[in-house]
Amino acid sequence: MSDLVDRAVAELVGYLSDASNAEPSRTFPREPSRAEHPGLYAWWADDEALAMLSMSFGEDLSPLIYAGQTGATSTRSLTRRSTTLGSRIGGSHLNGNVASSTFRETLTAVLLEPMSLRLVEARRLDEASNRAVSTWMRCHLRVAIVPVDDRDRLAAMEQAVLERLDPPLNLMGMTPTTARTMLRQLRAILK
């Protein structure tokens, strides 16, 4: 990795790993102009959410529970994606369904039993359960966003950031842990 990219990744990690940069998801986006871009984001859990999530794994999770990117050029097809932080977080994550977001699928898998959520078919909650997940996210989670307009490098930057942040609810490309093994088992129940 070049020095310039390494410095950029260090700045991204510094920003996303600072809880004071996270805004309540119930009022997202605090700055709509920043959410109109592709970029990186990190989800933070409050104490109550962290206790509930940690209980499912039998170990304490870090409060920065998940991170990701939106809008990166596809590394397989080289298709330029048009999603933004606003559409991904405000649409897929906060207002979507199990199938619309890996993060939402992960939360649903972990919260299925503690919140008595009801599946109506594979990867689909009943309407009341889906609303309950959205409400829970708005009550207990905060999100930090960083606009990154370089769609062609965004996926590589995300991987470098994830390696340094090591959020416990991220799976793809991450080092196996006991919690991640359990999370894969929980997610398999939704299929």
N, C-alpha and C. Protein backbone atom coordinates (compact mmCIF):
# COMPACT_ATOMS: atom_id res chain seq x y z
N MET A 1 0.85 -1.17 0.00
CA MET A 1 0.00 0.00 0.00
C MET A 1 0.90 1.24 0.00
N SER A 2 0.58 2.20 -0.84
CA SER A 2 1.39 3.41 -0.93
C SER A 2 1.25 4.22 0.36
N ASP A 3 2.23 5.10 0.59
CA ASP A 3 2.18 5.95 1.78
C ASP A 3 0.93 6.81 1.80
N LEU A 4 0.54 7.32 0.62
CA LEU A 4 -0.64 8.17 0.53
C LEU A 4 -1.90 7.40 0.93
N VAL A 5 -2.05 6.19 0.40
CA VAL A 5 -3.21 5.37 0.74
C VAL A 5 -3.16 4.96 2.20
N ASP A 6 -1.97 4.61 2.69
CA ASP A 6 -1.82 4.21 4.09
C ASP A 6 -2.21 5.36 5.03
N ARG A 7 -1.84 6.58 4.69
CA ARG A 7 -2.22 7.75 5.50
C ARG A 7 -3.74 7.96 5.44
N ALA A 8 -4.30 7.78 4.24
CA ALA A 8 -5.76 7.95 4.10
C ALA A 8 -6.50 6.92 4.94
N VAL A 9 -6.03 5.67 4.93
CA VAL A 9 -6.66 4.61 5.73
C VAL A 9 -6.52 4.93 7.21
N ALA A 10 -5.36 5.41 7.63
CA ALA A 10 -5.15 5.77 9.05
C ALA A 10 -6.12 6.88 9.47
N GLU A 11 -6.35 7.86 8.60
CA GLU A 11 -7.30 8.93 8.90
C GLU A 11 -8.73 8.38 9.00
N LEU A 12 -9.09 7.49 8.07
CA LEU A 12 -10.43 6.88 8.10
C LEU A 12 -10.63 6.09 9.38
N VAL A 13 -9.64 5.29 9.74
CA VAL A 13 -9.72 4.49 10.97
C VAL A 13 -9.84 5.42 12.17
N GLY A 14 -9.05 6.47 12.21
CA GLY A 14 -9.10 7.41 13.33
C GLY A 14 -10.48 8.03 13.48
N TYR A 15 -11.08 8.43 12.37
CA TYR A 15 -12.40 9.05 12.42
C TYR A 15 -13.47 8.05 12.83
N LEU A 16 -13.51 6.89 12.17
CA LEU A 16 -14.56 5.90 12.44
C LEU A 16 -14.45 5.28 13.82
N SER A 17 -13.24 5.22 14.37
CA SER A 17 -13.04 4.60 15.68
C SER A 17 -13.26 5.56 16.84
N ASP A 18 -13.62 6.80 16.55
CA ASP A 18 -13.89 7.80 17.57
C ASP A 18 -15.41 7.89 17.76
N ALA A 19 -15.89 7.39 18.87
CA ALA A 19 -17.34 7.35 19.14
C ALA A 19 -17.99 8.73 19.09
N SER A 20 -17.23 9.77 19.34
CA SER A 20 -17.82 11.11 19.33
C SER A 20 -18.21 11.55 17.92
N ASN A 21 -17.75 10.84 16.90
CA ASN A 21 -18.12 11.15 15.52
C ASN A 21 -19.41 10.46 15.08
N ALA A 22 -19.93 9.58 15.92
CA ALA A 22 -21.15 8.85 15.57
C ALA A 22 -22.39 9.65 15.97
N GLU A 23 -23.38 9.65 15.10
CA GLU A 23 -24.63 10.36 15.37
C GLU A 23 -25.74 9.36 15.63
N PRO A 24 -26.75 9.75 16.38
CA PRO A 24 -27.87 8.84 16.63
C PRO A 24 -28.53 8.44 15.30
N SER A 25 -28.79 7.17 15.13
CA SER A 25 -29.38 6.72 13.87
C SER A 25 -30.80 7.25 13.70
N ARG A 26 -31.47 7.55 14.81
CA ARG A 26 -32.85 8.05 14.71
C ARG A 26 -32.92 9.42 14.04
N THR A 27 -31.81 10.18 14.02
CA THR A 27 -31.79 11.49 13.38
C THR A 27 -30.89 11.53 12.15
N PHE A 28 -30.42 10.38 11.70
CA PHE A 28 -29.54 10.32 10.52
C PHE A 28 -30.28 10.83 9.29
N PRO A 29 -29.65 11.61 8.44
CA PRO A 29 -28.30 12.15 8.54
C PRO A 29 -28.29 13.55 9.16
N ARG A 30 -27.36 13.74 10.05
CA ARG A 30 -27.20 15.05 10.70
C ARG A 30 -26.77 16.09 9.67
N GLU A 31 -25.90 15.69 8.76
CA GLU A 31 -25.44 16.57 7.69
C GLU A 31 -25.79 15.91 6.35
N PRO A 32 -26.97 16.21 5.80
CA PRO A 32 -27.42 15.54 4.57
C PRO A 32 -26.43 15.63 3.41
N SER A 33 -25.70 16.73 3.28
CA SER A 33 -24.75 16.86 2.16
C SER A 33 -23.63 15.82 2.24
N ARG A 34 -23.22 15.43 3.45
CA ARG A 34 -22.19 14.39 3.59
C ARG A 34 -22.74 13.02 3.21
N ALA A 35 -24.03 12.82 3.43
CA ALA A 35 -24.65 11.52 3.15
C ALA A 35 -24.96 11.32 1.67
N GLU A 36 -24.76 12.34 0.85
CA GLU A 36 -25.03 12.24 -0.59
C GLU A 36 -23.87 11.63 -1.37
N HIS A 37 -22.86 11.13 -0.67
CA HIS A 37 -21.66 10.59 -1.30
C HIS A 37 -21.51 9.10 -1.00
N PRO A 38 -20.69 8.40 -1.79
CA PRO A 38 -20.27 7.06 -1.38
C PRO A 38 -19.33 7.23 -0.19
N GLY A 39 -19.05 6.14 0.50
CA GLY A 39 -18.11 6.25 1.61
C GLY A 39 -18.14 5.08 2.56
N LEU A 40 -17.56 5.32 3.70
CA LEU A 40 -17.45 4.31 4.76
C LEU A 40 -18.31 4.72 5.94
N TYR A 41 -18.73 3.71 6.71
CA TYR A 41 -19.53 3.97 7.90
C TYR A 41 -19.19 2.96 8.99
N ALA A 42 -19.46 3.33 10.23
CA ALA A 42 -19.25 2.45 11.38
C ALA A 42 -20.44 2.57 12.31
N TRP A 43 -20.96 1.43 12.75
CA TRP A 43 -22.11 1.38 13.66
C TRP A 43 -21.63 1.17 15.08
N TRP A 44 -22.17 1.97 15.98
CA TRP A 44 -21.84 1.92 17.40
C TRP A 44 -23.10 1.55 18.20
N ALA A 45 -22.95 0.69 19.19
CA ALA A 45 -24.07 0.26 20.04
C ALA A 45 -23.99 0.96 21.40
N ASP A 46 -25.17 1.33 21.94
CA ASP A 46 -25.19 1.87 23.29
C ASP A 46 -25.05 0.72 24.29
N ASP A 47 -24.98 1.04 25.57
CA ASP A 47 -24.73 0.02 26.59
C ASP A 47 -25.81 -1.07 26.62
N GLU A 48 -27.07 -0.66 26.49
CA GLU A 48 -28.17 -1.64 26.52
C GLU A 48 -28.10 -2.58 25.32
N ALA A 49 -27.85 -2.03 24.14
CA ALA A 49 -27.73 -2.86 22.94
C ALA A 49 -26.52 -3.78 23.04
N LEU A 50 -25.44 -3.23 23.54
CA LEU A 50 -24.21 -4.02 23.66
C LEU A 50 -24.41 -5.20 24.61
N ALA A 51 -25.12 -4.97 25.70
CA ALA A 51 -25.41 -6.07 26.64
C ALA A 51 -26.27 -7.13 25.97
N MET A 52 -27.27 -6.70 25.21
CA MET A 52 -28.16 -7.64 24.54
C MET A 52 -27.41 -8.44 23.47
N LEU A 53 -26.61 -7.77 22.68
CA LEU A 53 -25.85 -8.45 21.62
C LEU A 53 -24.79 -9.37 22.22
N SER A 54 -24.09 -8.90 23.23
CA SER A 54 -23.03 -9.70 23.85
C SER A 54 -23.57 -10.96 24.48
N MET A 55 -24.78 -10.89 25.04
CA MET A 55 -25.40 -12.05 25.67
C MET A 55 -25.51 -13.22 24.68
N SER A 56 -25.79 -12.93 23.44
CA SER A 56 -25.93 -13.98 22.43
C SER A 56 -24.62 -14.70 22.17
N PHE A 57 -23.50 -14.05 22.45
CA PHE A 57 -22.20 -14.65 22.18
C PHE A 57 -21.48 -15.12 23.44
N GLY A 58 -22.02 -14.78 24.60
CA GLY A 58 -21.38 -15.18 25.85
C GLY A 58 -20.06 -14.48 26.08
N GLU A 59 -19.87 -13.35 25.44
CA GLU A 59 -18.65 -12.55 25.63
C GLU A 59 -18.98 -11.09 25.33
N ASP A 60 -18.19 -10.21 25.91
CA ASP A 60 -18.40 -8.78 25.68
C ASP A 60 -17.91 -8.41 24.29
N LEU A 61 -18.76 -7.69 23.56
CA LEU A 61 -18.39 -7.17 22.25
C LEU A 61 -17.92 -5.73 22.40
N SER A 62 -17.13 -5.28 21.46
CA SER A 62 -16.73 -3.87 21.47
C SER A 62 -17.92 -3.04 21.01
N PRO A 63 -18.02 -1.79 21.45
CA PRO A 63 -19.17 -0.96 21.08
C PRO A 63 -19.20 -0.60 19.59
N LEU A 64 -18.06 -0.58 18.91
CA LEU A 64 -18.05 -0.41 17.46
C LEU A 64 -18.31 -1.81 16.90
N ILE A 65 -19.57 -2.06 16.54
CA ILE A 65 -19.98 -3.44 16.24
C ILE A 65 -19.88 -3.83 14.78
N TYR A 66 -19.91 -2.85 13.86
CA TYR A 66 -19.95 -3.20 12.44
C TYR A 66 -19.48 -1.99 11.62
N ALA A 67 -18.82 -2.26 10.51
CA ALA A 67 -18.40 -1.19 9.60
C ALA A 67 -18.53 -1.68 8.17
N GLY A 68 -18.66 -0.74 7.27
CA GLY A 68 -18.78 -1.12 5.87
C GLY A 68 -18.62 0.07 4.95
N GLN A 69 -18.88 -0.18 3.67
CA GLN A 69 -18.80 0.86 2.66
C GLN A 69 -20.02 0.79 1.77
N THR A 70 -20.25 1.85 1.06
CA THR A 70 -21.29 1.86 0.05
C THR A 70 -20.84 2.70 -1.12
N GLY A 71 -21.18 2.21 -2.31
CA GLY A 71 -20.89 2.97 -3.52
C GLY A 71 -19.62 2.60 -4.24
N ALA A 72 -18.89 1.59 -3.77
CA ALA A 72 -17.65 1.21 -4.43
C ALA A 72 -17.93 0.57 -5.79
N THR A 73 -17.02 0.79 -6.72
CA THR A 73 -17.07 0.10 -8.00
C THR A 73 -16.92 -1.39 -7.72
N SER A 74 -17.75 -2.21 -8.36
CA SER A 74 -17.69 -3.66 -8.17
C SER A 74 -16.32 -4.17 -8.57
N THR A 75 -15.69 -4.95 -7.71
CA THR A 75 -14.37 -5.50 -8.02
C THR A 75 -14.48 -6.65 -9.02
N ARG A 76 -15.64 -7.26 -9.14
CA ARG A 76 -15.83 -8.37 -10.10
C ARG A 76 -16.20 -7.87 -11.49
N SER A 77 -17.29 -7.09 -11.58
CA SER A 77 -17.80 -6.67 -12.88
C SER A 77 -17.33 -5.27 -13.30
N LEU A 78 -16.67 -4.57 -12.39
CA LEU A 78 -16.21 -3.19 -12.59
C LEU A 78 -17.37 -2.23 -12.84
N THR A 79 -18.57 -2.63 -12.39
CA THR A 79 -19.75 -1.78 -12.50
C THR A 79 -19.65 -0.67 -11.47
N ARG A 80 -19.91 0.56 -11.92
CA ARG A 80 -19.90 1.70 -11.00
C ARG A 80 -21.25 1.75 -10.29
N ARG A 81 -21.24 1.67 -9.00
CA ARG A 81 -22.47 1.71 -8.21
C ARG A 81 -22.82 3.15 -7.87
N SER A 82 -24.12 3.39 -7.71
CA SER A 82 -24.56 4.76 -7.45
C SER A 82 -25.05 4.96 -6.02
N THR A 83 -24.96 3.94 -5.18
CA THR A 83 -25.46 4.10 -3.81
C THR A 83 -24.64 5.14 -3.05
N THR A 84 -25.32 5.74 -2.09
CA THR A 84 -24.69 6.75 -1.25
C THR A 84 -24.82 6.33 0.22
N LEU A 85 -24.13 7.02 1.07
CA LEU A 85 -24.26 6.76 2.50
C LEU A 85 -25.71 6.93 2.94
N GLY A 86 -26.37 7.94 2.41
CA GLY A 86 -27.77 8.19 2.76
C GLY A 86 -28.69 7.07 2.32
N SER A 87 -28.54 6.61 1.08
CA SER A 87 -29.43 5.55 0.60
C SER A 87 -29.14 4.22 1.27
N ARG A 88 -27.90 3.94 1.55
CA ARG A 88 -27.55 2.66 2.18
C ARG A 88 -27.98 2.63 3.65
N ILE A 89 -27.60 3.64 4.39
CA ILE A 89 -27.90 3.66 5.83
C ILE A 89 -29.38 3.96 6.06
N GLY A 90 -29.88 5.02 5.44
CA GLY A 90 -31.27 5.42 5.65
C GLY A 90 -32.26 4.48 5.00
N GLY A 91 -31.86 3.85 3.90
CA GLY A 91 -32.75 2.94 3.18
C GLY A 91 -32.56 1.50 3.60
N SER A 92 -31.49 0.89 3.15
CA SER A 92 -31.27 -0.54 3.36
C SER A 92 -31.11 -0.94 4.83
N HIS A 93 -30.29 -0.18 5.56
CA HIS A 93 -30.03 -0.56 6.95
C HIS A 93 -31.18 -0.23 7.88
N LEU A 94 -31.60 1.02 7.89
CA LEU A 94 -32.61 1.45 8.86
C LEU A 94 -34.05 1.15 8.44
N ASN A 95 -34.32 1.09 7.16
CA ASN A 95 -35.70 0.92 6.71
C ASN A 95 -35.89 -0.27 5.79
N GLY A 96 -34.90 -1.12 5.70
CA GLY A 96 -34.97 -2.25 4.79
C GLY A 96 -35.59 -3.48 5.43
N ASN A 97 -35.14 -4.61 4.97
CA ASN A 97 -35.57 -5.89 5.51
C ASN A 97 -34.35 -6.79 5.60
N VAL A 98 -34.54 -8.02 6.01
CA VAL A 98 -33.41 -8.92 6.23
C VAL A 98 -32.55 -9.05 4.97
N ALA A 99 -33.18 -9.15 3.82
CA ALA A 99 -32.44 -9.38 2.58
C ALA A 99 -31.80 -8.11 2.01
N SER A 100 -32.13 -6.94 2.52
CA SER A 100 -31.63 -5.70 1.92
C SER A 100 -30.25 -5.29 2.42
N SER A 101 -29.76 -5.93 3.47
CA SER A 101 -28.53 -5.46 4.11
C SER A 101 -27.90 -6.58 4.92
N THR A 102 -26.60 -6.79 4.70
CA THR A 102 -25.88 -7.78 5.49
C THR A 102 -25.92 -7.41 6.97
N PHE A 103 -25.78 -6.12 7.26
CA PHE A 103 -25.82 -5.68 8.65
C PHE A 103 -27.18 -5.97 9.27
N ARG A 104 -28.24 -5.66 8.56
CA ARG A 104 -29.59 -5.91 9.07
C ARG A 104 -29.83 -7.42 9.24
N GLU A 105 -29.31 -8.21 8.32
CA GLU A 105 -29.43 -9.67 8.46
C GLU A 105 -28.71 -10.14 9.71
N THR A 106 -27.53 -9.60 9.94
CA THR A 106 -26.75 -9.96 11.12
C THR A 106 -27.50 -9.59 12.40
N LEU A 107 -28.00 -8.36 12.47
CA LEU A 107 -28.75 -7.94 13.65
C LEU A 107 -29.99 -8.81 13.86
N THR A 108 -30.70 -9.11 12.79
CA THR A 108 -31.90 -9.95 12.89
C THR A 108 -31.53 -11.32 13.44
N ALA A 109 -30.44 -11.89 12.96
CA ALA A 109 -30.02 -13.21 13.43
C ALA A 109 -29.70 -13.19 14.92
N VAL A 110 -29.03 -12.14 15.37
CA VAL A 110 -28.65 -12.05 16.78
C VAL A 110 -29.85 -11.73 17.66
N LEU A 111 -30.76 -10.91 17.17
CA LEU A 111 -31.91 -10.47 17.97
C LEU A 111 -33.14 -11.38 17.84
N LEU A 112 -33.09 -12.35 16.96
CA LEU A 112 -34.25 -13.20 16.68
C LEU A 112 -34.86 -13.77 17.96
N GLU A 113 -34.07 -14.41 18.77
CA GLU A 113 -34.57 -15.00 20.01
C GLU A 113 -34.82 -13.97 21.11
N PRO A 114 -33.84 -13.09 21.42
CA PRO A 114 -34.07 -12.14 22.52
C PRO A 114 -35.28 -11.23 22.31
N MET A 115 -35.60 -10.89 21.05
CA MET A 115 -36.72 -10.00 20.78
C MET A 115 -37.96 -10.75 20.30
N SER A 116 -37.89 -12.08 20.28
CA SER A 116 -39.01 -12.91 19.81
C SER A 116 -39.49 -12.49 18.42
N LEU A 117 -38.52 -12.28 17.52
CA LEU A 117 -38.85 -11.91 16.15
C LEU A 117 -39.42 -13.12 15.42
N ARG A 118 -40.29 -12.87 14.45
CA ARG A 118 -40.95 -13.97 13.73
C ARG A 118 -40.57 -13.96 12.25
N LEU A 119 -40.02 -15.08 11.81
CA LEU A 119 -39.74 -15.27 10.39
C LEU A 119 -41.00 -15.80 9.72
N VAL A 120 -41.36 -15.26 8.54
CA VAL A 120 -42.50 -15.78 7.79
C VAL A 120 -42.03 -16.69 6.66
N GLU A 121 -40.78 -16.53 6.29
CA GLU A 121 -40.12 -17.42 5.33
C GLU A 121 -38.63 -17.13 5.43
N ALA A 122 -37.81 -17.84 4.69
CA ALA A 122 -36.37 -17.64 4.75
C ALA A 122 -36.03 -16.18 4.50
N ARG A 123 -35.23 -15.62 5.38
CA ARG A 123 -34.74 -14.24 5.27
C ARG A 123 -35.85 -13.20 5.16
N ARG A 124 -36.98 -13.46 5.80
CA ARG A 124 -38.08 -12.48 5.78
C ARG A 124 -38.83 -12.52 7.10
N LEU A 125 -38.85 -11.38 7.77
CA LEU A 125 -39.59 -11.22 9.01
C LEU A 125 -41.01 -10.80 8.73
N ASP A 126 -41.89 -11.09 9.68
CA ASP A 126 -43.24 -10.53 9.54
C ASP A 126 -43.12 -9.01 9.72
N GLU A 127 -44.16 -8.29 9.34
CA GLU A 127 -44.13 -6.83 9.33
C GLU A 127 -43.82 -6.23 10.70
N ALA A 128 -44.44 -6.77 11.74
CA ALA A 128 -44.23 -6.24 13.09
C ALA A 128 -42.79 -6.46 13.55
N SER A 129 -42.23 -7.62 13.24
CA SER A 129 -40.85 -7.91 13.62
C SER A 129 -39.87 -7.03 12.87
N ASN A 130 -40.14 -6.82 11.59
CA ASN A 130 -39.27 -5.96 10.79
C ASN A 130 -39.27 -4.53 11.35
N ARG A 131 -40.45 -4.03 11.72
CA ARG A 131 -40.54 -2.70 12.34
C ARG A 131 -39.79 -2.67 13.67
N ALA A 132 -39.89 -3.77 14.42
CA ALA A 132 -39.21 -3.84 15.72
C ALA A 132 -37.69 -3.72 15.56
N VAL A 133 -37.14 -4.35 14.53
CA VAL A 133 -35.69 -4.25 14.28
C VAL A 133 -35.34 -2.80 13.94
N SER A 134 -36.12 -2.16 13.09
CA SER A 134 -35.86 -0.76 12.73
C SER A 134 -35.94 0.14 13.96
N THR A 135 -36.94 -0.07 14.79
CA THR A 135 -37.10 0.73 16.01
C THR A 135 -35.92 0.51 16.95
N TRP A 136 -35.52 -0.74 17.12
CA TRP A 136 -34.39 -1.08 17.99
C TRP A 136 -33.13 -0.36 17.50
N MET A 137 -32.90 -0.39 16.20
CA MET A 137 -31.71 0.27 15.63
C MET A 137 -31.74 1.77 15.92
N ARG A 138 -32.91 2.38 15.74
CA ARG A 138 -33.02 3.83 15.97
C ARG A 138 -32.86 4.19 17.45
N CYS A 139 -33.26 3.31 18.32
CA CYS A 139 -33.16 3.57 19.77
C CYS A 139 -31.77 3.33 20.32
N HIS A 140 -31.04 2.39 19.75
CA HIS A 140 -29.81 1.92 20.40
C HIS A 140 -28.51 2.07 19.61
N LEU A 141 -28.60 2.46 18.35
CA LEU A 141 -27.38 2.52 17.54
C LEU A 141 -27.07 3.93 17.07
N ARG A 142 -25.79 4.19 16.92
CA ARG A 142 -25.29 5.43 16.34
C ARG A 142 -24.42 5.05 15.14
N VAL A 143 -24.27 5.97 14.22
CA VAL A 143 -23.47 5.68 13.03
C VAL A 143 -22.55 6.85 12.71
N ALA A 144 -21.31 6.51 12.38
CA ALA A 144 -20.33 7.50 11.92
C ALA A 144 -20.15 7.29 10.43
N ILE A 145 -20.11 8.38 9.68
CA ILE A 145 -19.93 8.27 8.23
C ILE A 145 -18.75 9.11 7.78
N VAL A 146 -18.09 8.64 6.71
CA VAL A 146 -17.01 9.38 6.08
C VAL A 146 -17.22 9.31 4.58
N PRO A 147 -17.53 10.42 3.93
CA PRO A 147 -17.64 10.41 2.47
C PRO A 147 -16.28 10.10 1.84
N VAL A 148 -16.29 9.23 0.84
CA VAL A 148 -15.09 8.89 0.08
C VAL A 148 -15.53 8.83 -1.38
N ASP A 149 -15.16 9.81 -2.17
CA ASP A 149 -15.65 9.89 -3.54
C ASP A 149 -14.89 9.02 -4.53
N ASP A 150 -13.79 8.41 -4.13
CA ASP A 150 -13.03 7.54 -5.03
C ASP A 150 -13.65 6.14 -5.02
N ARG A 151 -14.68 5.97 -5.85
CA ARG A 151 -15.41 4.70 -5.90
C ARG A 151 -14.51 3.53 -6.31
N ASP A 152 -13.49 3.79 -7.13
CA ASP A 152 -12.63 2.71 -7.62
C ASP A 152 -11.71 2.15 -6.54
N ARG A 153 -11.37 2.94 -5.54
CA ARG A 153 -10.48 2.47 -4.47
C ARG A 153 -11.23 2.17 -3.16
N LEU A 154 -12.51 2.46 -3.15
CA LEU A 154 -13.29 2.37 -1.91
C LEU A 154 -13.31 0.95 -1.33
N ALA A 155 -13.48 -0.07 -2.16
CA ALA A 155 -13.53 -1.45 -1.65
C ALA A 155 -12.21 -1.84 -0.98
N ALA A 156 -11.10 -1.47 -1.61
CA ALA A 156 -9.79 -1.78 -1.01
C ALA A 156 -9.58 -1.00 0.28
N MET A 157 -10.04 0.24 0.29
CA MET A 157 -9.92 1.04 1.51
C MET A 157 -10.77 0.43 2.62
N GLU A 158 -11.98 -0.04 2.28
CA GLU A 158 -12.83 -0.68 3.27
C GLU A 158 -12.11 -1.87 3.91
N GLN A 159 -11.52 -2.74 3.09
CA GLN A 159 -10.86 -3.92 3.63
C GLN A 159 -9.72 -3.53 4.57
N ALA A 160 -8.95 -2.52 4.19
CA ALA A 160 -7.85 -2.06 5.05
C ALA A 160 -8.38 -1.49 6.36
N VAL A 161 -9.48 -0.75 6.29
CA VAL A 161 -10.09 -0.18 7.49
C VAL A 161 -10.64 -1.29 8.38
N LEU A 162 -11.32 -2.26 7.79
CA LEU A 162 -11.88 -3.37 8.58
C LEU A 162 -10.79 -4.16 9.29
N GLU A 163 -9.67 -4.38 8.62
CA GLU A 163 -8.56 -5.11 9.25
C GLU A 163 -8.08 -4.40 10.51
N ARG A 164 -8.10 -3.08 10.49
CA ARG A 164 -7.63 -2.31 11.65
C ARG A 164 -8.71 -2.16 12.73
N LEU A 165 -9.97 -1.95 12.31
CA LEU A 165 -11.04 -1.79 13.29
C LEU A 165 -11.48 -3.11 13.90
N ASP A 166 -11.51 -4.16 13.11
CA ASP A 166 -11.92 -5.51 13.52
C ASP A 166 -13.28 -5.53 14.24
N PRO A 167 -14.34 -4.98 13.60
CA PRO A 167 -15.66 -4.98 14.24
C PRO A 167 -16.18 -6.41 14.42
N PRO A 168 -16.72 -6.75 15.57
CA PRO A 168 -17.07 -8.14 15.86
C PRO A 168 -18.19 -8.72 14.99
N LEU A 169 -19.07 -7.88 14.42
CA LEU A 169 -20.18 -8.41 13.63
C LEU A 169 -19.90 -8.43 12.13
N ASN A 170 -18.69 -8.07 11.71
CA ASN A 170 -18.30 -8.21 10.31
C ASN A 170 -17.77 -9.62 10.10
N LEU A 171 -18.15 -10.25 9.00
CA LEU A 171 -17.71 -11.61 8.72
C LEU A 171 -16.76 -11.72 7.53
N MET A 172 -17.17 -11.23 6.38
CA MET A 172 -16.43 -11.46 5.14
C MET A 172 -15.01 -10.90 5.21
N GLY A 173 -14.06 -11.78 4.97
CA GLY A 173 -12.66 -11.38 4.95
C GLY A 173 -12.04 -11.12 6.30
N MET A 174 -12.76 -11.43 7.36
CA MET A 174 -12.27 -11.14 8.71
C MET A 174 -11.67 -12.40 9.34
N THR A 175 -10.77 -12.19 10.29
CA THR A 175 -10.15 -13.29 11.02
C THR A 175 -11.21 -14.03 11.83
N PRO A 176 -11.24 -15.36 11.75
CA PRO A 176 -12.24 -16.12 12.52
C PRO A 176 -12.07 -15.91 14.02
N THR A 177 -13.20 -15.76 14.70
CA THR A 177 -13.23 -15.67 16.16
C THR A 177 -14.37 -16.56 16.63
N THR A 178 -14.46 -16.79 17.91
CA THR A 178 -15.58 -17.56 18.46
C THR A 178 -16.90 -16.85 18.17
N ALA A 179 -16.93 -15.54 18.35
CA ALA A 179 -18.16 -14.78 18.10
C ALA A 179 -18.55 -14.87 16.62
N ARG A 180 -17.60 -14.78 15.72
CA ARG A 180 -17.92 -14.86 14.29
C ARG A 180 -18.40 -16.25 13.90
N THR A 181 -17.85 -17.28 14.51
CA THR A 181 -18.34 -18.64 14.25
C THR A 181 -19.78 -18.77 14.72
N MET A 182 -20.07 -18.26 15.89
CA MET A 182 -21.45 -18.29 16.41
C MET A 182 -22.38 -17.46 15.53
N LEU A 183 -21.90 -16.32 15.06
CA LEU A 183 -22.71 -15.46 14.21
C LEU A 183 -23.07 -16.18 12.91
N ARG A 184 -22.13 -16.90 12.33
CA ARG A 184 -22.44 -17.66 11.10
C ARG A 184 -23.54 -18.69 11.38
N GLN A 185 -23.50 -19.31 12.54
CA GLN A 185 -24.54 -20.29 12.90
C GLN A 185 -25.89 -19.60 13.08
N LEU A 186 -25.91 -18.45 13.73
CA LEU A 186 -27.14 -17.71 13.92
C LEU A 186 -27.73 -17.26 12.58
N ARG A 187 -26.87 -16.79 11.69
CA ARG A 187 -27.35 -16.35 10.38
C ARG A 187 -27.89 -17.50 9.56
N ALA A 188 -27.34 -18.69 9.75
CA ALA A 188 -27.82 -19.86 8.99
C ALA A 188 -29.27 -20.18 9.33
N ILE A 189 -29.72 -19.82 10.54
CA ILE A 189 -31.11 -20.06 10.94
C ILE A 189 -32.09 -19.27 10.08
N LEU A 190 -31.64 -18.14 9.56
CA LEU A 190 -32.51 -17.28 8.75
C LEU A 190 -32.71 -17.79 7.33
N LYS A 191 -31.91 -18.71 6.90
CA LYS A 191 -31.93 -19.15 5.50
C LYS A 191 -32.98 -20.21 5.23
